[in-house]
Amino acid sequence: EVQLVESGGGLVQAGGSLNLTCAASGFRLGDYAIGWFRQAPGKEREGVSCFSSDDGKTYYRDSVEGRFTFSRDNARNTAYLKMDSLKPEDTAIYYCATVNRAYCPHRWREGRAFSSWGRGTQVTVSS
């Protein structure tokens, strides 16, 4: 059974950092593209980052570029999202997801192509 479990969320002051973890089971994380998404109350889900396993490229949404960093540990079958210089507008539930291919879809930010999702972890940034 494919399973993704996020952890590492919490409450942090603006300017602080958090490191989210996405633990995968039931499949080899290294064989597929991995995405991080978030959804704030009353807002649509949005793509935060996507990592293509075939060429090692990482994509970020503009608002997190330079502040968030994706990484992956194939031996642990785990992906990470290091979030620095957090802002109140980063407050959301963060999800990791996989897509049934090794590369990030052209419209990865929409998340529609991603078939397996975790249950999310809450990130709250206070001003």
N, C-alpha and C. Protein backbone atom coordinates (compact mmCIF):
# COMPACT_ATOMS: atom_id res chain seq x y z
N GLU A 1 0.84 -1.19 0.00
CA GLU A 1 0.00 0.00 0.00
C GLU A 1 0.88 1.24 0.00
N VAL A 2 0.59 2.14 -0.93
CA VAL A 2 1.31 3.40 -1.01
C VAL A 2 0.85 4.31 0.12
N GLN A 3 1.80 4.85 0.86
CA GLN A 3 1.47 5.72 1.96
C GLN A 3 2.50 6.84 2.07
N LEU A 4 2.01 8.05 2.33
CA LEU A 4 2.86 9.21 2.58
C LEU A 4 2.43 9.83 3.90
N VAL A 5 3.40 10.12 4.75
CA VAL A 5 3.09 10.70 6.05
C VAL A 5 3.97 11.93 6.26
N GLU A 6 3.33 13.08 6.41
CA GLU A 6 4.05 14.31 6.66
C GLU A 6 4.20 14.55 8.16
N SER A 7 5.26 15.23 8.51
CA SER A 7 5.48 15.65 9.90
C SER A 7 6.40 16.86 9.90
N GLY A 8 6.55 17.45 11.07
CA GLY A 8 7.48 18.57 11.20
C GLY A 8 6.83 19.94 11.24
N GLY A 9 5.53 19.98 11.06
CA GLY A 9 4.86 21.27 11.13
C GLY A 9 4.82 21.78 12.56
N GLY A 10 4.34 23.01 12.71
CA GLY A 10 4.25 23.59 14.04
C GLY A 10 4.01 25.07 13.98
N LEU A 11 4.16 25.70 15.13
CA LEU A 11 3.99 27.15 15.25
C LEU A 11 5.37 27.79 15.35
N VAL A 12 5.59 28.79 14.52
CA VAL A 12 6.88 29.46 14.50
C VAL A 12 6.66 30.94 14.27
N GLN A 13 7.56 31.75 14.78
CA GLN A 13 7.46 33.19 14.54
C GLN A 13 7.98 33.53 13.15
N ALA A 14 7.50 34.63 12.63
CA ALA A 14 7.98 35.11 11.33
C ALA A 14 9.50 35.23 11.35
N GLY A 15 10.11 34.77 10.27
CA GLY A 15 11.56 34.76 10.19
C GLY A 15 12.18 33.46 10.62
N GLY A 16 11.38 32.60 11.24
CA GLY A 16 11.87 31.33 11.73
C GLY A 16 11.93 30.27 10.64
N SER A 17 12.26 29.05 11.07
CA SER A 17 12.44 27.94 10.13
C SER A 17 11.73 26.69 10.62
N LEU A 18 11.34 25.87 9.67
CA LEU A 18 10.81 24.54 9.94
C LEU A 18 11.32 23.59 8.89
N ASN A 19 11.41 22.32 9.25
CA ASN A 19 11.84 21.30 8.30
C ASN A 19 10.76 20.22 8.25
N LEU A 20 10.04 20.18 7.16
CA LEU A 20 8.97 19.19 7.00
C LEU A 20 9.55 17.89 6.46
N THR A 21 8.94 16.80 6.87
CA THR A 21 9.35 15.47 6.45
C THR A 21 8.19 14.76 5.78
N CYS A 22 8.48 14.03 4.72
CA CYS A 22 7.49 13.21 4.03
C CYS A 22 8.04 11.79 3.96
N ALA A 23 7.52 10.92 4.81
CA ALA A 23 7.98 9.54 4.86
C ALA A 23 7.11 8.68 3.96
N ALA A 24 7.74 7.97 3.03
CA ALA A 24 7.00 7.16 2.06
C ALA A 24 7.15 5.69 2.38
N SER A 25 6.11 4.94 2.07
CA SER A 25 6.15 3.49 2.20
C SER A 25 5.31 2.87 1.11
N GLY A 26 5.63 1.62 0.76
CA GLY A 26 4.87 0.93 -0.28
C GLY A 26 5.37 1.15 -1.69
N PHE A 27 6.39 2.00 -1.85
CA PHE A 27 6.96 2.25 -3.17
C PHE A 27 8.32 2.92 -2.96
N ARG A 28 9.10 2.99 -4.03
CA ARG A 28 10.42 3.63 -3.96
C ARG A 28 10.29 5.11 -4.33
N LEU A 29 10.48 5.95 -3.32
CA LEU A 29 10.33 7.38 -3.53
C LEU A 29 11.25 7.88 -4.64
N GLY A 30 12.41 7.29 -4.77
CA GLY A 30 13.40 7.74 -5.74
C GLY A 30 13.00 7.51 -7.19
N ASP A 31 11.95 6.72 -7.43
CA ASP A 31 11.54 6.42 -8.79
C ASP A 31 10.53 7.43 -9.35
N TYR A 32 10.03 8.30 -8.52
CA TYR A 32 8.93 9.18 -8.92
C TYR A 32 9.21 10.63 -8.57
N ALA A 33 8.50 11.51 -9.26
CA ALA A 33 8.54 12.92 -8.90
C ALA A 33 7.75 13.11 -7.60
N ILE A 34 8.22 14.06 -6.81
CA ILE A 34 7.59 14.35 -5.52
C ILE A 34 7.21 15.82 -5.47
N GLY A 35 6.03 16.07 -4.99
CA GLY A 35 5.58 17.45 -4.88
C GLY A 35 5.21 17.81 -3.45
N TRP A 36 5.40 19.08 -3.12
CA TRP A 36 4.89 19.65 -1.86
C TRP A 36 3.83 20.68 -2.23
N PHE A 37 2.73 20.63 -1.52
CA PHE A 37 1.62 21.53 -1.76
C PHE A 37 1.17 22.11 -0.43
N ARG A 38 0.38 23.16 -0.50
CA ARG A 38 -0.17 23.73 0.73
C ARG A 38 -1.56 24.29 0.45
N GLN A 39 -2.33 24.35 1.50
CA GLN A 39 -3.66 24.93 1.41
C GLN A 39 -3.94 25.72 2.67
N ALA A 40 -4.18 26.99 2.48
CA ALA A 40 -4.53 27.88 3.58
C ALA A 40 -6.04 27.94 3.71
N PRO A 41 -6.56 28.28 4.89
CA PRO A 41 -8.02 28.35 5.09
C PRO A 41 -8.65 29.30 4.08
N GLY A 42 -9.69 28.82 3.42
CA GLY A 42 -10.41 29.64 2.48
C GLY A 42 -9.73 29.86 1.15
N LYS A 43 -8.61 29.19 0.94
CA LYS A 43 -7.87 29.35 -0.31
C LYS A 43 -7.72 28.02 -1.02
N GLU A 44 -7.42 28.10 -2.31
CA GLU A 44 -7.20 26.89 -3.07
C GLU A 44 -5.83 26.30 -2.76
N ARG A 45 -5.72 25.01 -2.97
CA ARG A 45 -4.43 24.36 -2.84
C ARG A 45 -3.46 24.91 -3.87
N GLU A 46 -2.21 25.04 -3.50
CA GLU A 46 -1.21 25.54 -4.43
C GLU A 46 0.07 24.72 -4.33
N GLY A 47 0.71 24.58 -5.46
CA GLY A 47 1.97 23.86 -5.50
C GLY A 47 3.10 24.69 -4.93
N VAL A 48 3.91 24.10 -4.08
CA VAL A 48 5.03 24.78 -3.45
C VAL A 48 6.35 24.39 -4.11
N SER A 49 6.53 23.10 -4.34
CA SER A 49 7.78 22.62 -4.91
C SER A 49 7.53 21.28 -5.57
N CYS A 50 8.34 20.99 -6.58
CA CYS A 50 8.28 19.68 -7.22
C CYS A 50 9.68 19.26 -7.60
N PHE A 51 9.99 18.01 -7.34
CA PHE A 51 11.31 17.45 -7.65
C PHE A 51 11.17 16.35 -8.68
N SER A 52 11.90 16.50 -9.78
CA SER A 52 11.89 15.48 -10.82
C SER A 52 13.01 14.48 -10.57
N SER A 53 12.66 13.22 -10.44
CA SER A 53 13.65 12.19 -10.15
C SER A 53 14.51 11.86 -11.36
N ASP A 54 14.01 12.12 -12.56
CA ASP A 54 14.78 11.72 -13.74
C ASP A 54 15.98 12.61 -13.99
N ASP A 55 15.85 13.90 -13.76
CA ASP A 55 16.98 14.80 -14.01
C ASP A 55 17.43 15.59 -12.80
N GLY A 56 16.78 15.37 -11.66
CA GLY A 56 17.20 16.03 -10.43
C GLY A 56 16.83 17.49 -10.33
N LYS A 57 15.97 17.99 -11.21
CA LYS A 57 15.58 19.39 -11.16
C LYS A 57 14.50 19.60 -10.10
N THR A 58 14.60 20.72 -9.44
CA THR A 58 13.60 21.11 -8.45
C THR A 58 12.94 22.40 -8.89
N TYR A 59 11.65 22.44 -8.78
CA TYR A 59 10.87 23.61 -9.15
C TYR A 59 10.22 24.18 -7.89
N TYR A 60 10.13 25.50 -7.83
CA TYR A 60 9.49 26.17 -6.70
C TYR A 60 8.52 27.23 -7.22
N ARG A 61 7.48 27.46 -6.40
CA ARG A 61 6.65 28.60 -6.74
C ARG A 61 7.42 29.87 -6.41
N ASP A 62 7.11 30.96 -7.10
CA ASP A 62 7.90 32.18 -6.99
C ASP A 62 7.99 32.69 -5.56
N SER A 63 6.90 32.59 -4.82
CA SER A 63 6.87 33.20 -3.49
C SER A 63 7.75 32.49 -2.46
N VAL A 64 8.20 31.27 -2.78
CA VAL A 64 9.06 30.56 -1.83
C VAL A 64 10.47 30.37 -2.35
N GLU A 65 10.70 30.74 -3.60
CA GLU A 65 12.03 30.59 -4.21
C GLU A 65 13.07 31.31 -3.35
N GLY A 66 14.15 30.60 -3.03
CA GLY A 66 15.21 31.18 -2.21
C GLY A 66 15.00 31.02 -0.72
N ARG A 67 13.79 30.65 -0.31
CA ARG A 67 13.51 30.46 1.12
C ARG A 67 13.28 28.98 1.46
N PHE A 68 12.70 28.24 0.53
CA PHE A 68 12.39 26.83 0.75
C PHE A 68 13.37 25.98 -0.06
N THR A 69 13.72 24.82 0.50
CA THR A 69 14.65 23.92 -0.17
C THR A 69 14.14 22.49 -0.07
N PHE A 70 14.02 21.85 -1.23
CA PHE A 70 13.61 20.45 -1.27
C PHE A 70 14.85 19.57 -1.17
N SER A 71 14.72 18.46 -0.48
CA SER A 71 15.77 17.45 -0.48
C SER A 71 15.15 16.07 -0.33
N ARG A 72 15.95 15.05 -0.58
CA ARG A 72 15.42 13.69 -0.53
C ARG A 72 16.52 12.75 -0.07
N ASP A 73 16.14 11.77 0.72
CA ASP A 73 17.05 10.72 1.18
C ASP A 73 16.49 9.39 0.69
N ASN A 74 17.04 8.87 -0.39
CA ASN A 74 16.50 7.63 -0.96
C ASN A 74 16.66 6.46 0.00
N ALA A 75 17.73 6.44 0.76
CA ALA A 75 17.96 5.33 1.69
C ALA A 75 16.87 5.28 2.76
N ARG A 76 16.40 6.44 3.16
CA ARG A 76 15.32 6.50 4.15
C ARG A 76 13.94 6.57 3.51
N ASN A 77 13.91 6.64 2.17
CA ASN A 77 12.63 6.74 1.46
C ASN A 77 11.83 7.95 1.95
N THR A 78 12.53 9.06 2.12
CA THR A 78 11.95 10.24 2.74
C THR A 78 12.33 11.50 1.96
N ALA A 79 11.38 12.41 1.87
CA ALA A 79 11.61 13.72 1.26
C ALA A 79 11.46 14.79 2.34
N TYR A 80 12.09 15.93 2.11
CA TYR A 80 12.08 17.00 3.09
C TYR A 80 11.78 18.33 2.40
N LEU A 81 11.27 19.25 3.17
CA LEU A 81 11.11 20.62 2.70
C LEU A 81 11.61 21.52 3.82
N LYS A 82 12.79 22.11 3.61
CA LYS A 82 13.34 23.04 4.58
C LYS A 82 12.80 24.42 4.28
N MET A 83 12.17 25.01 5.28
CA MET A 83 11.52 26.31 5.09
C MET A 83 12.20 27.33 6.00
N ASP A 84 12.81 28.31 5.39
CA ASP A 84 13.50 29.38 6.12
C ASP A 84 12.80 30.72 5.87
N SER A 85 13.12 31.67 6.71
CA SER A 85 12.56 33.02 6.56
C SER A 85 11.05 32.97 6.39
N LEU A 86 10.41 32.21 7.23
CA LEU A 86 8.97 32.01 7.10
C LEU A 86 8.20 33.30 7.32
N LYS A 87 7.10 33.41 6.60
CA LYS A 87 6.23 34.58 6.66
C LYS A 87 4.84 34.15 7.08
N PRO A 88 4.05 35.07 7.64
CA PRO A 88 2.67 34.70 8.02
C PRO A 88 1.87 34.14 6.84
N GLU A 89 2.14 34.60 5.64
CA GLU A 89 1.41 34.09 4.48
C GLU A 89 1.80 32.67 4.09
N ASP A 90 2.80 32.11 4.75
CA ASP A 90 3.13 30.70 4.54
C ASP A 90 2.27 29.77 5.39
N THR A 91 1.46 30.34 6.25
CA THR A 91 0.58 29.53 7.10
C THR A 91 -0.39 28.72 6.25
N ALA A 92 -0.38 27.41 6.46
CA ALA A 92 -1.23 26.49 5.68
C ALA A 92 -1.01 25.08 6.17
N ILE A 93 -1.83 24.17 5.67
CA ILE A 93 -1.56 22.75 5.81
C ILE A 93 -0.69 22.35 4.63
N TYR A 94 0.41 21.68 4.91
CA TYR A 94 1.35 21.28 3.87
C TYR A 94 1.23 19.78 3.61
N TYR A 95 1.18 19.43 2.33
CA TYR A 95 1.02 18.05 1.89
C TYR A 95 2.17 17.66 0.97
N CYS A 96 2.56 16.40 1.04
CA CYS A 96 3.43 15.86 0.01
C CYS A 96 2.61 14.89 -0.85
N ALA A 97 3.03 14.72 -2.08
CA ALA A 97 2.29 13.89 -3.01
C ALA A 97 3.24 13.35 -4.07
N THR A 98 2.84 12.24 -4.66
CA THR A 98 3.63 11.66 -5.74
C THR A 98 2.78 11.56 -7.01
N VAL A 99 3.47 11.57 -8.11
CA VAL A 99 2.84 11.42 -9.41
C VAL A 99 3.44 10.19 -10.07
N ASN A 100 2.67 9.50 -10.88
CA ASN A 100 3.09 8.22 -11.45
C ASN A 100 4.02 8.41 -12.65
N ARG A 101 5.08 9.18 -12.42
CA ARG A 101 6.10 9.39 -13.43
C ARG A 101 7.32 9.98 -12.73
N ALA A 102 8.45 9.98 -13.41
CA ALA A 102 9.69 10.43 -12.76
C ALA A 102 9.93 11.93 -12.89
N TYR A 103 9.08 12.61 -13.67
CA TYR A 103 9.32 14.03 -13.89
C TYR A 103 8.09 14.82 -13.45
N CYS A 104 8.33 16.06 -13.08
CA CYS A 104 7.22 16.92 -12.67
C CYS A 104 6.38 17.26 -13.88
N PRO A 105 5.07 17.13 -13.76
CA PRO A 105 4.19 17.50 -14.88
C PRO A 105 4.32 18.98 -15.21
N HIS A 106 4.02 19.32 -16.44
CA HIS A 106 4.11 20.70 -16.88
C HIS A 106 3.30 21.63 -15.97
N ARG A 107 2.15 21.21 -15.58
CA ARG A 107 1.28 22.03 -14.72
C ARG A 107 1.26 21.47 -13.31
N TRP A 108 2.44 21.17 -12.79
CA TRP A 108 2.54 20.51 -11.49
C TRP A 108 1.91 21.33 -10.38
N ARG A 109 1.92 22.65 -10.52
CA ARG A 109 1.41 23.49 -9.44
C ARG A 109 -0.07 23.23 -9.17
N GLU A 110 -0.79 22.75 -10.17
CA GLU A 110 -2.21 22.49 -9.97
C GLU A 110 -2.46 21.23 -9.15
N GLY A 111 -1.49 20.31 -9.17
CA GLY A 111 -1.59 19.11 -8.36
C GLY A 111 -2.50 18.02 -8.91
N ARG A 112 -3.15 18.26 -10.04
CA ARG A 112 -4.14 17.31 -10.53
C ARG A 112 -3.53 15.97 -10.93
N ALA A 113 -2.29 15.99 -11.39
CA ALA A 113 -1.67 14.75 -11.87
C ALA A 113 -1.17 13.88 -10.73
N PHE A 114 -1.15 14.42 -9.52
CA PHE A 114 -0.60 13.67 -8.38
C PHE A 114 -1.65 12.74 -7.83
N SER A 115 -1.30 11.46 -7.70
CA SER A 115 -2.29 10.45 -7.37
C SER A 115 -2.25 10.00 -5.92
N SER A 116 -1.13 10.15 -5.25
CA SER A 116 -1.02 9.71 -3.85
C SER A 116 -0.67 10.91 -2.98
N TRP A 117 -1.41 11.08 -1.91
CA TRP A 117 -1.27 12.24 -1.04
C TRP A 117 -1.17 11.82 0.42
N GLY A 118 -0.41 12.60 1.17
CA GLY A 118 -0.42 12.43 2.61
C GLY A 118 -1.57 13.19 3.22
N ARG A 119 -1.67 13.14 4.54
CA ARG A 119 -2.78 13.79 5.23
C ARG A 119 -2.45 15.21 5.65
N GLY A 120 -1.20 15.60 5.52
CA GLY A 120 -0.81 16.97 5.75
C GLY A 120 -0.29 17.24 7.15
N THR A 121 0.44 18.36 7.26
CA THR A 121 0.94 18.82 8.55
C THR A 121 0.75 20.34 8.61
N GLN A 122 0.28 20.82 9.74
CA GLN A 122 -0.07 22.23 9.88
C GLN A 122 1.18 23.07 10.14
N VAL A 123 1.30 24.14 9.38
CA VAL A 123 2.35 25.13 9.61
C VAL A 123 1.68 26.46 9.91
N THR A 124 2.03 27.04 11.03
CA THR A 124 1.46 28.33 11.43
C THR A 124 2.61 29.29 11.73
N VAL A 125 2.59 30.42 11.04
CA VAL A 125 3.64 31.43 11.22
C VAL A 125 3.00 32.67 11.82
N SER A 126 3.44 33.04 12.99
CA SER A 126 2.89 34.21 13.68
C SER A 126 3.71 35.45 13.33
N SER A 127 3.03 36.58 13.31
CA SER A 127 3.71 37.84 12.96
C SER A 127 4.30 38.51 14.18
